[in-house]
Amino acid sequence: MVVGSPILIVGAMVLGPEFGAIAAISFGLLRRRPDLIARAVRALAVGFAVAMAITFACALVSTWLGWIDATMLDSHPEVEFIVKPDKWSFIVALLAGTAGVLSITAGKSSALVGVFISVTTVPAAGYASVALALGAWGDVGASALQLAVNILGMIVAGTLTLLTQHYLGARYHRAVPLTHRGRGRREQPPPFD
């Protein structure tokens, strides 16, 4: 965000570890499992909180050392999409959620890399943390909104995809697995810890 390197932004997207928890929330919603939903939400919240706290601390120290300042956030138009959520942000999140659940249930985990690259959860969380350390309050809110839009879109799409798979499997008498990587018992939720 401060450097504005698209390569670093895409690299941060690839590292997004949140999809397991998002898939677990979707599965929990479909199967009416509040215990699973609660554990997945907790894992998601704690994971992002810890990562954001570390990023905030690093940005704060960098500010004290004079390495970064708030003006650096305004000088990189190539990463403005992180602080400008719009309808396309939600559409991309819906598509990513659908692709992610399909890749998990089909056992094609390599496709998840494409899901991570398409959404800006990690960059949005990082941007919010850096903006908070620099006192750029408008950017904090906008990037936090981007993070929320992406997570909500993936949960909605993931749940609808699982529901569609279940409906089609019942209708056409095919077992459509609702498991992680398509293996194991049907009722087994995807891991998220």
N, C-alpha and C. Protein backbone atom coordinates (compact mmCIF):
# COMPACT_ATOMS: atom_id res chain seq x y z
N MET A 1 0.82 -1.18 0.00
CA MET A 1 0.00 0.00 0.00
C MET A 1 0.87 1.25 0.00
N VAL A 2 1.85 1.25 0.86
CA VAL A 2 2.74 2.41 0.92
C VAL A 2 3.67 2.41 -0.28
N VAL A 3 4.14 1.23 -0.67
CA VAL A 3 5.02 1.12 -1.83
C VAL A 3 4.22 1.17 -3.12
N GLY A 4 3.02 0.61 -3.12
CA GLY A 4 2.16 0.64 -4.30
C GLY A 4 2.55 -0.35 -5.37
N SER A 5 3.23 -1.41 -5.01
CA SER A 5 3.66 -2.40 -5.99
C SER A 5 2.54 -3.40 -6.26
N PRO A 6 2.04 -3.46 -7.51
CA PRO A 6 1.00 -4.44 -7.83
C PRO A 6 1.45 -5.87 -7.58
N ILE A 7 2.73 -6.15 -7.75
CA ILE A 7 3.23 -7.51 -7.50
C ILE A 7 3.11 -7.86 -6.02
N LEU A 8 3.42 -6.93 -5.15
CA LEU A 8 3.27 -7.18 -3.71
C LEU A 8 1.81 -7.33 -3.32
N ILE A 9 0.94 -6.55 -3.95
CA ILE A 9 -0.49 -6.64 -3.66
C ILE A 9 -1.02 -8.01 -4.06
N VAL A 10 -0.68 -8.48 -5.26
CA VAL A 10 -1.12 -9.80 -5.71
C VAL A 10 -0.52 -10.88 -4.82
N GLY A 11 0.73 -10.71 -4.42
CA GLY A 11 1.35 -11.67 -3.50
C GLY A 11 0.61 -11.74 -2.18
N ALA A 12 0.16 -10.60 -1.67
CA ALA A 12 -0.62 -10.59 -0.43
C ALA A 12 -1.96 -11.28 -0.63
N MET A 13 -2.54 -11.15 -1.82
CA MET A 13 -3.82 -11.82 -2.10
C MET A 13 -3.65 -13.34 -2.09
N VAL A 14 -2.52 -13.82 -2.63
CA VAL A 14 -2.28 -15.26 -2.68
C VAL A 14 -2.17 -15.85 -1.28
N LEU A 15 -1.68 -15.06 -0.33
CA LEU A 15 -1.49 -15.56 1.02
C LEU A 15 -2.78 -15.63 1.82
N GLY A 16 -3.89 -15.21 1.27
CA GLY A 16 -5.15 -15.17 2.00
C GLY A 16 -5.56 -16.52 2.55
N PRO A 17 -5.48 -16.71 3.87
CA PRO A 17 -5.81 -18.00 4.47
C PRO A 17 -7.26 -18.13 4.92
N GLU A 18 -8.07 -17.14 4.59
CA GLU A 18 -9.40 -17.06 5.19
C GLU A 18 -10.46 -17.94 4.54
N PHE A 19 -10.18 -18.53 3.38
CA PHE A 19 -11.27 -19.20 2.69
C PHE A 19 -11.75 -20.45 3.41
N GLY A 20 -10.89 -21.14 4.13
CA GLY A 20 -11.35 -22.30 4.90
C GLY A 20 -12.42 -21.92 5.90
N ALA A 21 -12.20 -20.81 6.61
CA ALA A 21 -13.19 -20.34 7.58
C ALA A 21 -14.46 -19.88 6.89
N ILE A 22 -14.32 -19.23 5.75
CA ILE A 22 -15.50 -18.77 5.00
C ILE A 22 -16.31 -19.97 4.51
N ALA A 23 -15.63 -21.01 4.01
CA ALA A 23 -16.32 -22.22 3.57
C ALA A 23 -17.02 -22.90 4.75
N ALA A 24 -16.37 -22.89 5.91
CA ALA A 24 -16.99 -23.49 7.10
C ALA A 24 -18.24 -22.72 7.51
N ILE A 25 -18.21 -21.39 7.41
CA ILE A 25 -19.40 -20.59 7.71
C ILE A 25 -20.52 -20.95 6.74
N SER A 26 -20.20 -21.05 5.46
CA SER A 26 -21.20 -21.41 4.45
C SER A 26 -21.80 -22.78 4.74
N PHE A 27 -20.94 -23.74 5.06
CA PHE A 27 -21.41 -25.09 5.38
C PHE A 27 -22.29 -25.06 6.63
N GLY A 28 -21.86 -24.31 7.65
CA GLY A 28 -22.64 -24.20 8.88
C GLY A 28 -24.00 -23.56 8.65
N LEU A 29 -24.06 -22.56 7.77
CA LEU A 29 -25.35 -21.94 7.44
C LEU A 29 -26.26 -22.93 6.73
N LEU A 30 -25.71 -23.69 5.80
CA LEU A 30 -26.50 -24.66 5.06
C LEU A 30 -27.01 -25.77 5.96
N ARG A 31 -26.18 -26.25 6.86
CA ARG A 31 -26.53 -27.37 7.74
C ARG A 31 -27.11 -26.93 9.08
N ARG A 32 -27.30 -25.62 9.25
CA ARG A 32 -27.83 -25.06 10.50
C ARG A 32 -27.01 -25.54 11.70
N ARG A 33 -25.71 -25.25 11.61
CA ARG A 33 -24.77 -25.65 12.66
C ARG A 33 -24.17 -24.41 13.30
N PRO A 34 -24.87 -23.81 14.27
CA PRO A 34 -24.36 -22.59 14.89
C PRO A 34 -23.01 -22.76 15.56
N ASP A 35 -22.70 -23.96 16.06
CA ASP A 35 -21.40 -24.20 16.69
C ASP A 35 -20.27 -24.06 15.67
N LEU A 36 -20.48 -24.60 14.48
CA LEU A 36 -19.47 -24.50 13.42
C LEU A 36 -19.33 -23.06 12.94
N ILE A 37 -20.46 -22.38 12.80
CA ILE A 37 -20.43 -20.97 12.37
C ILE A 37 -19.66 -20.14 13.39
N ALA A 38 -19.95 -20.36 14.68
CA ALA A 38 -19.28 -19.59 15.73
C ALA A 38 -17.77 -19.83 15.73
N ARG A 39 -17.35 -21.08 15.59
CA ARG A 39 -15.91 -21.38 15.56
C ARG A 39 -15.24 -20.76 14.33
N ALA A 40 -15.92 -20.82 13.19
CA ALA A 40 -15.35 -20.26 11.96
C ALA A 40 -15.26 -18.73 12.04
N VAL A 41 -16.30 -18.10 12.55
CA VAL A 41 -16.29 -16.64 12.71
C VAL A 41 -15.18 -16.23 13.68
N ARG A 42 -15.04 -16.99 14.77
CA ARG A 42 -13.98 -16.70 15.74
C ARG A 42 -12.60 -16.83 15.09
N ALA A 43 -12.40 -17.91 14.32
CA ALA A 43 -11.10 -18.10 13.64
C ALA A 43 -10.83 -16.96 12.67
N LEU A 44 -11.84 -16.55 11.94
CA LEU A 44 -11.70 -15.45 10.98
C LEU A 44 -11.38 -14.15 11.71
N ALA A 45 -12.13 -13.85 12.76
CA ALA A 45 -11.94 -12.60 13.50
C ALA A 45 -10.57 -12.56 14.19
N VAL A 46 -10.21 -13.64 14.85
CA VAL A 46 -8.92 -13.67 15.55
C VAL A 46 -7.77 -13.58 14.54
N GLY A 47 -7.88 -14.34 13.46
CA GLY A 47 -6.83 -14.31 12.44
C GLY A 47 -6.60 -12.92 11.87
N PHE A 48 -7.68 -12.27 11.48
CA PHE A 48 -7.54 -10.92 10.93
C PHE A 48 -7.10 -9.93 12.00
N ALA A 49 -7.60 -10.07 13.22
CA ALA A 49 -7.22 -9.13 14.29
C ALA A 49 -5.72 -9.22 14.58
N VAL A 50 -5.20 -10.43 14.67
CA VAL A 50 -3.76 -10.60 14.95
C VAL A 50 -2.93 -10.03 13.80
N ALA A 51 -3.30 -10.40 12.58
CA ALA A 51 -2.54 -9.91 11.42
C ALA A 51 -2.58 -8.39 11.33
N MET A 52 -3.76 -7.82 11.57
CA MET A 52 -3.90 -6.36 11.50
C MET A 52 -3.13 -5.67 12.63
N ALA A 53 -3.11 -6.27 13.82
CA ALA A 53 -2.38 -5.69 14.94
C ALA A 53 -0.88 -5.68 14.66
N ILE A 54 -0.37 -6.76 14.08
CA ILE A 54 1.06 -6.81 13.74
C ILE A 54 1.38 -5.77 12.66
N THR A 55 0.51 -5.68 11.66
CA THR A 55 0.73 -4.69 10.59
C THR A 55 0.67 -3.27 11.14
N PHE A 56 -0.29 -3.01 12.03
CA PHE A 56 -0.42 -1.70 12.66
C PHE A 56 0.85 -1.35 13.44
N ALA A 57 1.35 -2.31 14.22
CA ALA A 57 2.56 -2.06 15.01
C ALA A 57 3.76 -1.76 14.11
N CYS A 58 3.90 -2.53 13.04
CA CYS A 58 5.02 -2.29 12.10
C CYS A 58 4.89 -0.92 11.43
N ALA A 59 3.67 -0.55 11.06
CA ALA A 59 3.45 0.76 10.43
C ALA A 59 3.71 1.89 11.41
N LEU A 60 3.31 1.70 12.66
CA LEU A 60 3.53 2.71 13.68
C LEU A 60 5.03 2.93 13.92
N VAL A 61 5.78 1.84 14.02
CA VAL A 61 7.24 1.95 14.20
C VAL A 61 7.86 2.63 12.98
N SER A 62 7.40 2.26 11.78
CA SER A 62 7.92 2.88 10.56
C SER A 62 7.63 4.37 10.52
N THR A 63 6.47 4.76 11.06
CA THR A 63 6.12 6.18 11.14
C THR A 63 7.06 6.90 12.10
N TRP A 64 7.29 6.30 13.26
CA TRP A 64 8.18 6.91 14.25
C TRP A 64 9.60 7.06 13.71
N LEU A 65 10.02 6.10 12.88
CA LEU A 65 11.36 6.16 12.30
C LEU A 65 11.45 7.11 11.10
N GLY A 66 10.29 7.62 10.68
CA GLY A 66 10.25 8.55 9.56
C GLY A 66 10.30 7.88 8.20
N TRP A 67 10.07 6.59 8.15
CA TRP A 67 10.11 5.86 6.88
C TRP A 67 8.85 6.03 6.06
N ILE A 68 7.71 6.23 6.72
CA ILE A 68 6.44 6.41 6.01
C ILE A 68 5.65 7.56 6.62
N ASP A 69 4.77 8.13 5.81
CA ASP A 69 3.83 9.14 6.31
C ASP A 69 2.55 9.05 5.49
N ALA A 70 1.54 9.77 5.92
CA ALA A 70 0.20 9.68 5.31
C ALA A 70 0.18 10.09 3.84
N THR A 71 1.09 10.94 3.42
CA THR A 71 1.09 11.36 2.01
C THR A 71 1.42 10.20 1.07
N MET A 72 2.09 9.19 1.58
CA MET A 72 2.46 8.04 0.74
C MET A 72 1.24 7.22 0.32
N LEU A 73 0.15 7.31 1.07
CA LEU A 73 -1.06 6.57 0.71
C LEU A 73 -1.75 7.16 -0.52
N ASP A 74 -1.51 8.44 -0.78
CA ASP A 74 -2.18 9.11 -1.89
C ASP A 74 -1.43 9.02 -3.21
N SER A 75 -0.23 8.48 -3.19
CA SER A 75 0.60 8.56 -4.39
C SER A 75 0.63 7.27 -5.23
N HIS A 76 -0.30 6.36 -5.01
CA HIS A 76 -0.30 5.09 -5.75
C HIS A 76 -1.68 4.77 -6.30
N PRO A 77 -2.02 5.33 -7.46
CA PRO A 77 -3.36 5.08 -8.01
C PRO A 77 -3.60 3.63 -8.40
N GLU A 78 -2.53 2.84 -8.59
CA GLU A 78 -2.72 1.44 -9.00
C GLU A 78 -3.30 0.57 -7.90
N VAL A 79 -3.31 1.04 -6.65
CA VAL A 79 -3.91 0.26 -5.57
C VAL A 79 -5.14 0.95 -4.97
N GLU A 80 -5.66 1.95 -5.65
CA GLU A 80 -6.84 2.67 -5.15
C GLU A 80 -8.06 1.77 -5.02
N PHE A 81 -8.11 0.68 -5.79
CA PHE A 81 -9.27 -0.21 -5.74
C PHE A 81 -9.48 -0.78 -4.32
N ILE A 82 -8.43 -0.80 -3.52
CA ILE A 82 -8.55 -1.33 -2.16
C ILE A 82 -9.40 -0.42 -1.29
N VAL A 83 -9.35 0.88 -1.55
CA VAL A 83 -10.11 1.82 -0.72
C VAL A 83 -11.30 2.40 -1.47
N LYS A 84 -11.70 1.76 -2.56
CA LYS A 84 -12.87 2.22 -3.30
C LYS A 84 -13.79 1.04 -3.62
N PRO A 85 -14.41 0.46 -2.58
CA PRO A 85 -15.31 -0.66 -2.84
C PRO A 85 -16.53 -0.19 -3.63
N ASP A 86 -16.96 -1.02 -4.55
CA ASP A 86 -18.14 -0.70 -5.36
C ASP A 86 -18.88 -1.98 -5.70
N LYS A 87 -19.82 -1.90 -6.62
CA LYS A 87 -20.61 -3.08 -6.99
C LYS A 87 -19.72 -4.18 -7.54
N TRP A 88 -18.63 -3.82 -8.21
CA TRP A 88 -17.73 -4.81 -8.79
C TRP A 88 -16.99 -5.58 -7.71
N SER A 89 -16.71 -4.92 -6.60
CA SER A 89 -16.07 -5.60 -5.48
C SER A 89 -16.96 -6.75 -5.01
N PHE A 90 -18.25 -6.48 -4.90
CA PHE A 90 -19.19 -7.51 -4.43
C PHE A 90 -19.36 -8.60 -5.48
N ILE A 91 -19.43 -8.23 -6.74
CA ILE A 91 -19.57 -9.23 -7.81
C ILE A 91 -18.35 -10.14 -7.86
N VAL A 92 -17.17 -9.57 -7.74
CA VAL A 92 -15.95 -10.38 -7.74
C VAL A 92 -15.94 -11.31 -6.53
N ALA A 93 -16.38 -10.81 -5.37
CA ALA A 93 -16.44 -11.65 -4.17
C ALA A 93 -17.44 -12.80 -4.36
N LEU A 94 -18.57 -12.53 -5.00
CA LEU A 94 -19.54 -13.60 -5.28
C LEU A 94 -18.93 -14.67 -6.18
N LEU A 95 -18.26 -14.23 -7.23
CA LEU A 95 -17.62 -15.19 -8.14
C LEU A 95 -16.51 -15.97 -7.44
N ALA A 96 -15.75 -15.29 -6.60
CA ALA A 96 -14.68 -15.97 -5.86
C ALA A 96 -15.24 -16.99 -4.89
N GLY A 97 -16.32 -16.64 -4.20
CA GLY A 97 -16.94 -17.59 -3.28
C GLY A 97 -17.46 -18.82 -3.99
N THR A 98 -18.08 -18.62 -5.14
CA THR A 98 -18.58 -19.74 -5.93
C THR A 98 -17.42 -20.62 -6.40
N ALA A 99 -16.40 -20.00 -6.96
CA ALA A 99 -15.25 -20.77 -7.46
C ALA A 99 -14.53 -21.49 -6.32
N GLY A 100 -14.43 -20.85 -5.18
CA GLY A 100 -13.76 -21.46 -4.04
C GLY A 100 -14.46 -22.71 -3.54
N VAL A 101 -15.77 -22.62 -3.37
CA VAL A 101 -16.54 -23.79 -2.91
C VAL A 101 -16.51 -24.89 -3.96
N LEU A 102 -16.64 -24.53 -5.22
CA LEU A 102 -16.57 -25.55 -6.27
C LEU A 102 -15.21 -26.24 -6.28
N SER A 103 -14.14 -25.48 -6.06
CA SER A 103 -12.81 -26.10 -6.07
C SER A 103 -12.63 -27.01 -4.86
N ILE A 104 -13.18 -26.63 -3.72
CA ILE A 104 -13.08 -27.48 -2.52
C ILE A 104 -13.89 -28.76 -2.69
N THR A 105 -15.14 -28.63 -3.13
CA THR A 105 -15.99 -29.82 -3.24
C THR A 105 -15.59 -30.71 -4.40
N ALA A 106 -14.89 -30.16 -5.38
CA ALA A 106 -14.44 -30.99 -6.51
C ALA A 106 -13.04 -31.54 -6.27
N GLY A 107 -12.41 -31.17 -5.17
CA GLY A 107 -11.07 -31.65 -4.88
C GLY A 107 -9.99 -31.01 -5.73
N LYS A 108 -10.25 -29.82 -6.25
CA LYS A 108 -9.28 -29.10 -7.09
C LYS A 108 -8.74 -27.91 -6.32
N SER A 109 -7.94 -28.17 -5.31
CA SER A 109 -7.47 -27.08 -4.45
C SER A 109 -6.55 -26.10 -5.18
N SER A 110 -5.96 -26.49 -6.29
CA SER A 110 -5.10 -25.56 -7.02
C SER A 110 -5.88 -24.37 -7.54
N ALA A 111 -7.18 -24.54 -7.76
CA ALA A 111 -8.01 -23.43 -8.24
C ALA A 111 -8.21 -22.37 -7.16
N LEU A 112 -7.97 -22.73 -5.89
CA LEU A 112 -8.14 -21.75 -4.82
C LEU A 112 -7.18 -20.58 -4.94
N VAL A 113 -6.02 -20.79 -5.55
CA VAL A 113 -5.08 -19.69 -5.74
C VAL A 113 -5.74 -18.58 -6.54
N GLY A 114 -6.50 -18.93 -7.57
CA GLY A 114 -7.22 -17.94 -8.36
C GLY A 114 -8.27 -17.21 -7.54
N VAL A 115 -8.90 -17.92 -6.61
CA VAL A 115 -9.88 -17.29 -5.72
C VAL A 115 -9.19 -16.25 -4.87
N PHE A 116 -8.04 -16.60 -4.28
CA PHE A 116 -7.33 -15.67 -3.42
C PHE A 116 -6.88 -14.44 -4.18
N ILE A 117 -6.44 -14.62 -5.41
CA ILE A 117 -5.95 -13.49 -6.19
C ILE A 117 -7.10 -12.55 -6.58
N SER A 118 -8.31 -13.07 -6.67
CA SER A 118 -9.42 -12.24 -7.15
C SER A 118 -10.00 -11.32 -6.09
N VAL A 119 -9.80 -11.62 -4.81
CA VAL A 119 -10.40 -10.77 -3.77
C VAL A 119 -9.31 -10.08 -2.97
N THR A 120 -9.68 -8.96 -2.38
CA THR A 120 -8.68 -8.14 -1.71
C THR A 120 -8.85 -8.17 -0.19
N THR A 121 -9.01 -9.34 0.38
CA THR A 121 -9.18 -9.39 1.83
C THR A 121 -7.89 -9.02 2.56
N VAL A 122 -6.80 -9.69 2.26
CA VAL A 122 -5.54 -9.40 2.95
C VAL A 122 -5.04 -7.98 2.65
N PRO A 123 -5.02 -7.55 1.38
CA PRO A 123 -4.60 -6.16 1.14
C PRO A 123 -5.51 -5.14 1.82
N ALA A 124 -6.81 -5.39 1.86
CA ALA A 124 -7.72 -4.45 2.52
C ALA A 124 -7.44 -4.38 4.02
N ALA A 125 -7.21 -5.53 4.64
CA ALA A 125 -6.90 -5.55 6.07
C ALA A 125 -5.58 -4.84 6.34
N GLY A 126 -4.58 -5.09 5.49
CA GLY A 126 -3.29 -4.43 5.64
C GLY A 126 -3.39 -2.93 5.44
N TYR A 127 -4.14 -2.54 4.42
CA TYR A 127 -4.30 -1.10 4.13
C TYR A 127 -4.99 -0.41 5.31
N ALA A 128 -6.02 -1.04 5.87
CA ALA A 128 -6.73 -0.46 7.01
C ALA A 128 -5.77 -0.26 8.19
N SER A 129 -4.92 -1.24 8.42
CA SER A 129 -3.97 -1.16 9.54
C SER A 129 -2.96 -0.04 9.35
N VAL A 130 -2.39 0.05 8.15
CA VAL A 130 -1.42 1.09 7.85
C VAL A 130 -2.08 2.47 7.92
N ALA A 131 -3.27 2.58 7.34
CA ALA A 131 -3.99 3.86 7.37
C ALA A 131 -4.31 4.28 8.80
N LEU A 132 -4.65 3.31 9.65
CA LEU A 132 -4.92 3.60 11.05
C LEU A 132 -3.67 4.15 11.75
N ALA A 133 -2.54 3.53 11.48
CA ALA A 133 -1.28 3.99 12.09
C ALA A 133 -0.91 5.39 11.61
N LEU A 134 -1.31 5.72 10.37
CA LEU A 134 -0.97 7.02 9.80
C LEU A 134 -2.06 8.07 10.05
N GLY A 135 -3.17 7.66 10.66
CA GLY A 135 -4.25 8.59 10.93
C GLY A 135 -5.07 8.98 9.70
N ALA A 136 -5.05 8.16 8.68
CA ALA A 136 -5.84 8.41 7.46
C ALA A 136 -7.21 7.74 7.63
N TRP A 137 -8.09 8.40 8.38
CA TRP A 137 -9.34 7.78 8.83
C TRP A 137 -10.27 7.40 7.69
N GLY A 138 -10.32 8.20 6.63
CA GLY A 138 -11.17 7.86 5.49
C GLY A 138 -10.74 6.56 4.83
N ASP A 139 -9.44 6.37 4.71
CA ASP A 139 -8.92 5.13 4.13
C ASP A 139 -9.15 3.93 5.04
N VAL A 140 -9.12 4.15 6.35
CA VAL A 140 -9.39 3.06 7.29
C VAL A 140 -10.80 2.53 7.06
N GLY A 141 -11.76 3.43 7.03
CA GLY A 141 -13.16 3.02 6.83
C GLY A 141 -13.40 2.38 5.49
N ALA A 142 -12.83 2.96 4.44
CA ALA A 142 -13.05 2.44 3.09
C ALA A 142 -12.44 1.05 2.90
N SER A 143 -11.22 0.86 3.43
CA SER A 143 -10.60 -0.46 3.27
C SER A 143 -11.26 -1.50 4.17
N ALA A 144 -11.75 -1.09 5.35
CA ALA A 144 -12.50 -2.01 6.20
C ALA A 144 -13.81 -2.42 5.52
N LEU A 145 -14.44 -1.46 4.83
CA LEU A 145 -15.66 -1.78 4.07
C LEU A 145 -15.35 -2.75 2.94
N GLN A 146 -14.24 -2.55 2.26
CA GLN A 146 -13.81 -3.47 1.19
C GLN A 146 -13.64 -4.88 1.75
N LEU A 147 -13.01 -4.99 2.91
CA LEU A 147 -12.82 -6.29 3.56
C LEU A 147 -14.17 -6.94 3.87
N ALA A 148 -15.09 -6.16 4.44
CA ALA A 148 -16.40 -6.70 4.78
C ALA A 148 -17.19 -7.12 3.54
N VAL A 149 -17.13 -6.32 2.48
CA VAL A 149 -17.84 -6.65 1.24
C VAL A 149 -17.31 -7.96 0.66
N ASN A 150 -16.00 -8.14 0.67
CA ASN A 150 -15.41 -9.36 0.13
C ASN A 150 -15.79 -10.59 0.96
N ILE A 151 -15.71 -10.49 2.26
CA ILE A 151 -16.05 -11.64 3.12
C ILE A 151 -17.53 -11.97 3.00
N LEU A 152 -18.40 -10.96 3.06
CA LEU A 152 -19.83 -11.19 2.94
C LEU A 152 -20.18 -11.81 1.59
N GLY A 153 -19.61 -11.29 0.51
CA GLY A 153 -19.88 -11.82 -0.82
C GLY A 153 -19.47 -13.27 -0.95
N MET A 154 -18.30 -13.62 -0.39
CA MET A 154 -17.86 -15.01 -0.47
C MET A 154 -18.73 -15.95 0.37
N ILE A 155 -19.20 -15.48 1.52
CA ILE A 155 -20.09 -16.31 2.35
C ILE A 155 -21.42 -16.54 1.65
N VAL A 156 -22.00 -15.48 1.10
CA VAL A 156 -23.27 -15.61 0.38
C VAL A 156 -23.13 -16.57 -0.79
N ALA A 157 -22.11 -16.37 -1.61
CA ALA A 157 -21.92 -17.22 -2.79
C ALA A 157 -21.58 -18.65 -2.39
N GLY A 158 -20.76 -18.82 -1.36
CA GLY A 158 -20.41 -20.16 -0.91
C GLY A 158 -21.62 -20.94 -0.43
N THR A 159 -22.47 -20.27 0.34
CA THR A 159 -23.68 -20.92 0.85
C THR A 159 -24.63 -21.28 -0.30
N LEU A 160 -24.83 -20.35 -1.22
CA LEU A 160 -25.72 -20.62 -2.35
C LEU A 160 -25.16 -21.73 -3.26
N THR A 161 -23.85 -21.78 -3.40
CA THR A 161 -23.24 -22.84 -4.22
C THR A 161 -23.42 -24.20 -3.57
N LEU A 162 -23.20 -24.28 -2.26
CA LEU A 162 -23.43 -25.55 -1.56
C LEU A 162 -24.89 -25.96 -1.62
N LEU A 163 -25.78 -25.00 -1.48
CA LEU A 163 -27.21 -25.30 -1.56
C LEU A 163 -27.59 -25.80 -2.95
N THR A 164 -27.06 -25.18 -3.98
CA THR A 164 -27.33 -25.60 -5.36
C THR A 164 -26.78 -27.00 -5.61
N GLN A 165 -25.57 -27.26 -5.13
CA GLN A 165 -25.00 -28.60 -5.31
C GLN A 165 -25.84 -29.65 -4.60
N HIS A 166 -26.29 -29.33 -3.40
CA HIS A 166 -27.11 -30.27 -2.65
C HIS A 166 -28.44 -30.53 -3.36
N TYR A 167 -29.07 -29.46 -3.84
CA TYR A 167 -30.35 -29.58 -4.54
C TYR A 167 -30.19 -30.40 -5.82
N LEU A 168 -29.18 -30.09 -6.61
CA LEU A 168 -28.97 -30.82 -7.86
C LEU A 168 -28.61 -32.28 -7.60
N GLY A 169 -27.83 -32.52 -6.55
CA GLY A 169 -27.48 -33.90 -6.21
C GLY A 169 -28.71 -34.71 -5.83
N ALA A 170 -29.61 -34.10 -5.06
CA ALA A 170 -30.85 -34.80 -4.67
C ALA A 170 -31.78 -34.98 -5.86
N ARG A 171 -31.85 -33.98 -6.70
CA ARG A 171 -32.77 -34.04 -7.83
C ARG A 171 -32.34 -35.07 -8.88
N TYR A 172 -31.04 -35.16 -9.11
CA TYR A 172 -30.55 -36.05 -10.15
C TYR A 172 -29.93 -37.33 -9.57
N HIS A 173 -30.19 -37.57 -8.29
CA HIS A 173 -29.75 -38.79 -7.61
C HIS A 173 -28.25 -39.02 -7.73
N ARG A 174 -27.52 -37.93 -7.63
CA ARG A 174 -26.06 -38.01 -7.62
C ARG A 174 -25.58 -37.49 -6.29
N ALA A 175 -24.61 -38.13 -5.77
CA ALA A 175 -24.04 -37.67 -4.50
C ALA A 175 -23.08 -36.52 -4.79
N VAL A 176 -23.49 -35.33 -4.42
CA VAL A 176 -22.61 -34.18 -4.55
C VAL A 176 -21.98 -33.96 -3.18
N PRO A 177 -20.69 -34.22 -3.05
CA PRO A 177 -20.07 -34.16 -1.72
C PRO A 177 -20.06 -32.75 -1.16
N LEU A 178 -20.33 -32.68 0.12
CA LEU A 178 -20.24 -31.40 0.82
C LEU A 178 -19.07 -31.49 1.80
N THR A 179 -17.95 -31.99 1.31
CA THR A 179 -16.79 -32.18 2.17
C THR A 179 -15.60 -31.43 1.61
N HIS A 180 -14.59 -31.34 2.43
CA HIS A 180 -13.33 -30.72 2.01
C HIS A 180 -12.66 -31.63 0.99
N ARG A 181 -12.38 -31.11 -0.18
CA ARG A 181 -11.71 -31.81 -1.27
C ARG A 181 -12.48 -33.03 -1.76
N GLY A 182 -13.78 -33.08 -1.45
CA GLY A 182 -14.61 -34.13 -2.01
C GLY A 182 -14.38 -35.50 -1.41
N ARG A 183 -13.70 -35.62 -0.27
CA ARG A 183 -13.44 -36.92 0.33
C ARG A 183 -14.13 -37.03 1.68
N GLY A 184 -14.33 -38.25 2.12
CA GLY A 184 -14.86 -38.47 3.46
C GLY A 184 -16.37 -38.53 3.48
N ARG A 185 -16.90 -38.45 4.71
CA ARG A 185 -18.35 -38.52 4.87
C ARG A 185 -18.99 -37.24 4.36
N ARG A 186 -20.23 -37.35 3.92
CA ARG A 186 -20.94 -36.21 3.34
C ARG A 186 -21.11 -35.06 4.32
N GLU A 187 -21.32 -35.32 5.56
CA GLU A 187 -21.65 -34.28 6.52
C GLU A 187 -20.41 -33.60 7.12
N GLN A 188 -19.23 -34.01 6.72
CA GLN A 188 -18.01 -33.47 7.28
C GLN A 188 -17.76 -32.06 6.75
N PRO A 189 -17.67 -31.05 7.65
CA PRO A 189 -17.41 -29.68 7.17
C PRO A 189 -15.96 -29.50 6.78
N PRO A 190 -15.69 -28.51 5.93
CA PRO A 190 -14.30 -28.23 5.58
C PRO A 190 -13.55 -27.70 6.79
N PRO A 191 -12.27 -28.03 6.92
CA PRO A 191 -11.51 -27.54 8.07
C PRO A 191 -11.27 -26.04 7.97
N PHE A 192 -11.13 -25.39 9.10
CA PHE A 192 -10.84 -23.95 9.09
C PHE A 192 -9.82 -23.56 10.13
N ASP A 193 -9.34 -24.47 10.95
CA ASP A 193 -8.34 -24.11 11.96
C ASP A 193 -6.96 -24.18 11.40
